[in-house]
Protein backbone atom coordinates (compact mmCIF):
# COMPACT_ATOMS: atom_id res chain seq x y z
CA UNK A 1 17.05 -16.96 47.14
CA UNK A 2 17.20 -17.89 43.61
CA UNK A 3 20.33 -19.90 42.47
CA UNK A 4 20.42 -19.06 38.84
CA UNK A 5 22.74 -16.71 37.27
CA UNK A 6 21.39 -13.57 35.79
CA UNK A 7 21.87 -15.03 32.09
CA UNK A 8 20.28 -18.20 32.81
CA UNK A 9 17.36 -16.32 34.62
CA UNK A 10 16.76 -13.84 31.22
CA UNK A 11 16.68 -17.01 29.16
CA UNK A 12 14.16 -18.35 31.34
CA UNK A 13 12.14 -15.47 31.54
CA UNK A 14 12.01 -15.27 27.45
CA UNK A 15 11.22 -18.75 27.21
CA UNK A 16 8.19 -18.46 29.78
CA UNK A 17 6.99 -15.17 27.81
CA UNK A 18 7.10 -16.77 24.26
CA UNK A 19 5.12 -20.00 25.90
CA UNK A 20 2.80 -17.98 27.55
CA UNK A 21 2.59 -14.73 25.62
CA UNK A 22 3.03 -12.07 28.35
CA UNK A 23 4.54 -12.32 31.90
CA UNK A 24 3.84 -10.31 34.78
CA UNK A 25 6.70 -8.96 37.17
CA UNK A 26 5.16 -9.92 40.55
CA UNK A 27 4.97 -14.04 39.66
CA UNK A 28 8.27 -13.62 38.14
CA UNK A 29 9.72 -12.31 41.38
CA UNK A 30 7.81 -15.01 43.25
CA UNK A 31 8.66 -17.99 41.03
CA UNK A 32 12.37 -16.96 40.65
CA UNK A 33 12.40 -16.13 44.37
CA UNK A 34 13.82 -12.97 43.77
CA UNK A 35 12.81 -9.03 44.32
CA UNK A 36 10.62 -7.20 42.15
CA UNK A 37 13.46 -4.76 41.33
CA UNK A 38 15.52 -7.33 39.95
CA UNK A 39 12.99 -8.67 37.53
CA UNK A 40 12.29 -5.17 36.63
CA UNK A 41 16.21 -4.87 35.76
CA UNK A 42 15.74 -8.21 33.86
CA UNK A 43 12.87 -6.89 31.97
CA UNK A 44 14.84 -3.81 30.86
CA UNK A 45 17.76 -5.72 29.77
CA UNK A 46 15.72 -8.17 27.51
CA UNK A 47 13.94 -4.97 26.19
CA UNK A 48 16.93 -3.38 25.10
CA UNK A 49 18.28 -6.72 23.40
CA UNK A 50 14.91 -6.31 21.59
CA UNK A 51 13.89 -9.60 23.32
CA UNK A 52 10.47 -8.33 24.82
CA UNK A 53 8.58 -5.21 25.15
CA UNK A 54 7.95 -3.93 28.54
CA UNK A 55 4.40 -2.80 29.94
CA UNK A 56 3.14 -1.79 33.22
CA UNK A 57 3.76 -4.83 35.39
CA UNK A 58 5.40 -6.87 33.08
CA UNK A 59 6.16 -7.46 29.65
CA UNK A 60 4.88 -8.81 26.04
CA UNK A 61 6.38 -10.61 23.40
CA UNK A 62 8.64 -8.29 20.94
CA UNK A 63 7.10 -8.27 17.51
CA UNK A 64 9.32 -10.21 15.01
CA UNK A 65 8.87 -7.46 12.06
CA UNK A 66 11.70 -4.96 12.85
CA UNK A 67 14.10 -3.67 10.44
CA UNK A 68 14.25 -2.96 6.72
CA UNK A 69 11.97 -3.89 4.27
CA UNK A 70 14.40 -6.24 2.59
CA UNK A 71 14.92 -8.31 5.88
CA UNK A 72 11.53 -8.16 6.69
CA UNK A 73 10.30 -9.55 3.52
CA UNK A 74 12.15 -12.77 4.34
CA UNK A 75 10.26 -13.18 7.51
CA UNK A 76 7.33 -15.56 6.94
CA UNK A 77 7.60 -14.91 3.38
CA UNK A 78 5.07 -17.85 2.19
CA UNK A 79 2.71 -16.68 4.88
CA UNK A 80 2.63 -13.20 3.53
CA UNK A 81 2.04 -13.94 -0.01
CA UNK A 82 -1.11 -16.25 0.84
CA UNK A 83 -2.31 -13.37 3.11
CA UNK A 84 -1.56 -10.63 0.68
CA UNK A 85 -3.52 -12.66 -2.10
CA UNK A 86 -6.67 -12.93 0.49
CA UNK A 87 -6.14 -9.44 0.84
CA UNK A 88 -6.17 -8.53 -2.73
CA UNK A 89 -9.51 -10.38 -2.76
CA UNK A 90 -11.38 -7.92 -0.95
CA UNK A 91 -10.27 -5.06 -3.54
CA UNK A 92 -13.68 -4.89 -5.54
CA UNK A 93 -14.09 -2.69 -9.07
CA UNK A 94 -14.57 0.91 -8.61
CA UNK A 95 -13.10 1.09 -4.98
CA UNK A 96 -10.81 3.75 -3.70
CA UNK A 97 -8.27 1.54 -1.57
CA UNK A 98 -5.47 2.81 0.48
CA UNK A 99 -2.25 0.28 0.85
CA UNK A 100 -0.52 0.94 4.04
CA UNK A 101 3.16 0.11 4.17
CA UNK A 102 4.42 -3.19 5.23
CA UNK A 103 5.42 -6.54 3.56
CA UNK A 104 2.22 -8.10 3.52
CA UNK A 105 0.65 -5.41 1.78
CA UNK A 106 3.72 -5.46 -0.85
CA UNK A 107 2.40 -9.14 -1.45
CA UNK A 108 -0.96 -7.51 -1.98
CA UNK A 109 0.19 -5.32 -4.19
CA UNK A 110 1.98 -7.71 -6.34
CA UNK A 111 -1.22 -10.01 -6.65
CA UNK A 112 -3.37 -6.75 -7.39
CA UNK A 113 -0.90 -6.44 -10.52
CA UNK A 114 -1.12 -9.53 -11.53
CA UNK A 115 -5.08 -9.46 -11.97
CA UNK A 116 -6.17 -9.40 -15.44
CA UNK A 117 -8.17 -6.30 -14.95
CA UNK A 118 -9.23 -4.25 -11.61
CA UNK A 119 -12.21 -2.73 -13.00
CA UNK A 120 -11.41 1.07 -12.45
CA UNK A 121 -9.97 0.89 -8.77
CA UNK A 122 -8.11 3.82 -7.46
CA UNK A 123 -5.02 2.45 -5.64
CA UNK A 124 -3.19 5.10 -3.29
CA UNK A 125 0.02 4.35 -1.21
CA UNK A 126 2.72 6.24 0.62
CA UNK A 127 5.14 3.33 0.38
CA UNK A 128 7.55 3.56 -2.90
CA UNK A 129 7.96 -0.34 -3.11
CA UNK A 130 4.29 -0.87 -3.13
CA UNK A 131 3.78 1.83 -5.84
CA UNK A 132 6.54 0.54 -7.65
CA UNK A 133 4.49 -2.83 -7.57
CA UNK A 134 1.51 -1.32 -8.67
CA UNK A 135 2.41 0.93 -11.79
CA UNK A 136 1.73 -1.82 -14.51
CA UNK A 137 -1.56 -2.83 -12.85
CA UNK A 138 -4.39 -3.17 -15.37
CA UNK A 139 -7.75 -1.22 -14.93
CA UNK A 140 -6.60 0.82 -12.19
CA UNK A 141 -5.60 4.54 -11.14
CA UNK A 142 -2.33 4.67 -8.94
CA UNK A 143 -1.75 7.84 -6.61
CA UNK A 144 1.37 8.17 -4.61
CA UNK A 145 1.73 10.12 -1.42
CA UNK A 146 4.83 12.24 -0.98
CA UNK A 147 7.16 13.19 1.63
CA UNK A 148 9.90 12.24 3.88
CA UNK A 149 10.40 8.43 3.57
CA UNK A 150 11.31 6.39 6.66
CA UNK A 151 13.81 3.84 5.36
CA UNK A 152 12.53 1.40 8.15
CA UNK A 153 8.92 1.92 7.77
CA UNK A 154 9.17 2.00 3.68
CA UNK A 155 6.93 4.73 3.86
CA UNK A 156 6.47 8.69 3.78
CA UNK A 157 5.01 9.61 6.86
CA UNK A 158 6.23 13.51 7.96
CA UNK A 159 3.80 16.29 8.16
CA UNK A 160 3.56 16.58 4.00
CA UNK A 161 2.19 13.07 3.77
CA UNK A 162 -0.12 13.40 6.61
CA UNK A 163 -1.55 16.69 5.32
CA UNK A 164 -2.20 14.39 2.17
CA UNK A 165 -3.69 11.57 3.68
CA UNK A 166 -5.85 13.86 5.58
CA UNK A 167 -7.88 15.02 2.69
CA UNK A 168 -8.45 11.08 1.62
CA UNK A 169 -11.51 8.94 2.24
CA UNK A 170 -10.60 5.79 0.87
CA UNK A 171 -13.66 2.84 0.58
CA UNK A 172 -11.23 0.67 2.14
CA UNK A 173 -7.84 0.61 4.29
CA UNK A 174 -5.56 -2.24 4.03
CA UNK A 175 -3.61 -1.65 7.26
CA UNK A 176 -0.27 -2.73 7.94
CA UNK A 177 0.78 -4.13 11.29
CA UNK A 178 3.78 -5.15 13.38
CA UNK A 179 1.66 -7.06 16.05
CA UNK A 180 -1.45 -7.79 17.69
CA UNK A 181 -1.22 -7.49 21.36
CA UNK A 182 -2.90 -10.01 23.48
CA UNK A 183 -5.52 -7.47 24.69
CA UNK A 184 -6.55 -6.83 20.79
CA UNK A 185 -4.64 -3.80 20.06
CA UNK A 186 -2.78 -3.53 16.42
CA UNK A 187 0.44 -1.85 17.03
CA UNK A 188 3.16 0.21 14.97
CA UNK A 189 7.00 0.62 15.67
CA UNK A 190 7.08 4.29 15.66
CA UNK A 191 4.97 7.21 16.94
CA UNK A 192 4.99 9.08 13.47
CA UNK A 193 3.62 5.59 11.73
CA UNK A 194 1.05 5.15 14.68
CA UNK A 195 -0.65 8.57 13.68
CA UNK A 196 -0.54 8.10 9.81
CA UNK A 197 -2.28 4.60 10.52
CA UNK A 198 -4.79 6.15 12.96
CA UNK A 199 -5.44 9.02 10.75
CA UNK A 200 -6.04 6.42 7.38
CA UNK A 201 -8.47 4.15 9.70
CA UNK A 202 -10.38 6.91 10.65
CA UNK A 203 -10.88 8.09 7.29
CA UNK A 204 -11.63 4.82 5.82
CA UNK A 205 -14.96 3.16 5.09
CA UNK A 206 -13.50 -0.05 5.95
CA UNK A 207 -10.28 -1.37 7.60
CA UNK A 208 -8.92 -4.71 6.62
CA UNK A 209 -5.36 -6.11 7.84
CA UNK A 210 -3.60 -9.53 7.87
CA UNK A 211 -1.50 -11.03 10.54
CA UNK A 212 0.83 -13.86 10.23
CA UNK A 213 0.97 -16.41 13.34
CA UNK A 214 4.34 -14.73 14.32
CA UNK A 215 2.59 -11.29 15.02
CA UNK A 216 -0.14 -12.65 16.93
CA UNK A 217 0.37 -12.03 20.76
CA UNK A 218 3.25 -9.58 20.03
CA UNK A 219 3.41 -5.95 20.29
CA UNK A 220 5.40 -2.64 18.80
CA UNK A 221 5.77 0.16 21.27
CA UNK A 222 2.77 2.17 19.72
CA UNK A 223 -0.82 1.24 19.63
CA UNK A 224 -2.60 2.05 16.60
CA UNK A 225 -6.49 0.93 16.67
CA UNK A 226 -8.36 -1.83 18.70
CA UNK A 227 -9.08 -4.98 16.73
CA UNK A 228 -12.82 -4.07 17.21
CA UNK A 229 -12.44 -1.25 15.01
CA UNK A 230 -10.87 -3.37 11.93
CA UNK A 231 -13.87 -4.77 9.80
CA UNK A 232 -11.70 -7.57 8.47
CA UNK A 233 -8.89 -9.62 10.01
CA UNK A 234 -6.82 -12.34 7.51
CA UNK A 235 -5.26 -14.79 9.25
CA UNK A 236 -3.31 -18.27 9.06
CA UNK A 237 -5.43 -21.24 8.99
CA UNK A 238 -4.70 -23.79 12.21
CA UNK A 239 -4.19 -21.39 14.72
CA UNK A 240 -5.16 -22.93 17.98
CA UNK A 241 -8.84 -22.83 18.45
CA UNK A 242 -8.55 -20.31 21.86
CA UNK A 243 -6.53 -17.80 19.70
CA UNK A 244 -9.10 -18.04 16.88
CA UNK A 245 -11.96 -17.62 19.23
CA UNK A 246 -10.30 -14.92 21.48
CA UNK A 247 -10.00 -12.96 17.88
CA UNK A 248 -13.40 -13.30 16.55
CA UNK A 249 -14.73 -12.50 20.28
CA UNK A 250 -13.41 -8.88 19.34
CA UNK A 251 -15.25 -8.11 16.47
CA UNK A 252 -13.89 -8.47 13.08
CA UNK A 253 -14.65 -10.78 10.31
CA UNK A 254 -11.97 -13.45 9.98
CA UNK A 255 -10.84 -15.14 6.78
CA UNK A 256 -8.27 -17.84 7.40
CA UNK A 257 -5.91 -18.60 4.96
CA UNK A 258 -3.94 -22.16 4.18
CA UNK A 259 -0.32 -21.07 4.17
CA UNK A 260 1.66 -24.20 4.61
CA UNK A 261 3.05 -23.63 7.89
């Protein structure tokens, strides 16, 4: 029987989770010389504290990008600025582009607004902060989707917004994501947000997203789309070769960006 106190075992499980990217309850029970019921209680406690996300048979790291936009914007701010600028370079003259909610896409909006002339693009968003950043974008038409705004997501996500989004056929979707789990699924924090994201992805000619290193290998509670359904993934340069190879094997074109991290 393990001599570890519960708090010590919780810390050890979290350390292993962050080191290995996932944990399996049966393996933890064996290694800590305790029962699977005890480990499942431990994982429930970690999940309740926001320290992991439970999945069948074990757990994944919790995504770091939870909370209001104002606090999330401070996480990996330099990386988000560089990734957002790379996404902005995917926007070509004449396109219709939907900017999904998210702090990386907010950085994209600011990069677009700083452009000399966007060449007649139509920019659509359901996120008020992104719309505000794009108001003075030169050479662009701006369309704002209305509806009830969720303060944590920072976007309109209810039935009214979904009805308007259903009529759109963007050339390019810049998809926001809170995490990219080890199996290659892009994830979201809420069911409603996941529904909006899936509809947008299904309606768009191409899908691009960006993940800073803190989001890779983590997961929100709602799966959105598989990475195989994404055309372009923008990532930070310098990821471990095994991680990069795994991402490339799932299908998207990888764009690597120097972020200074």
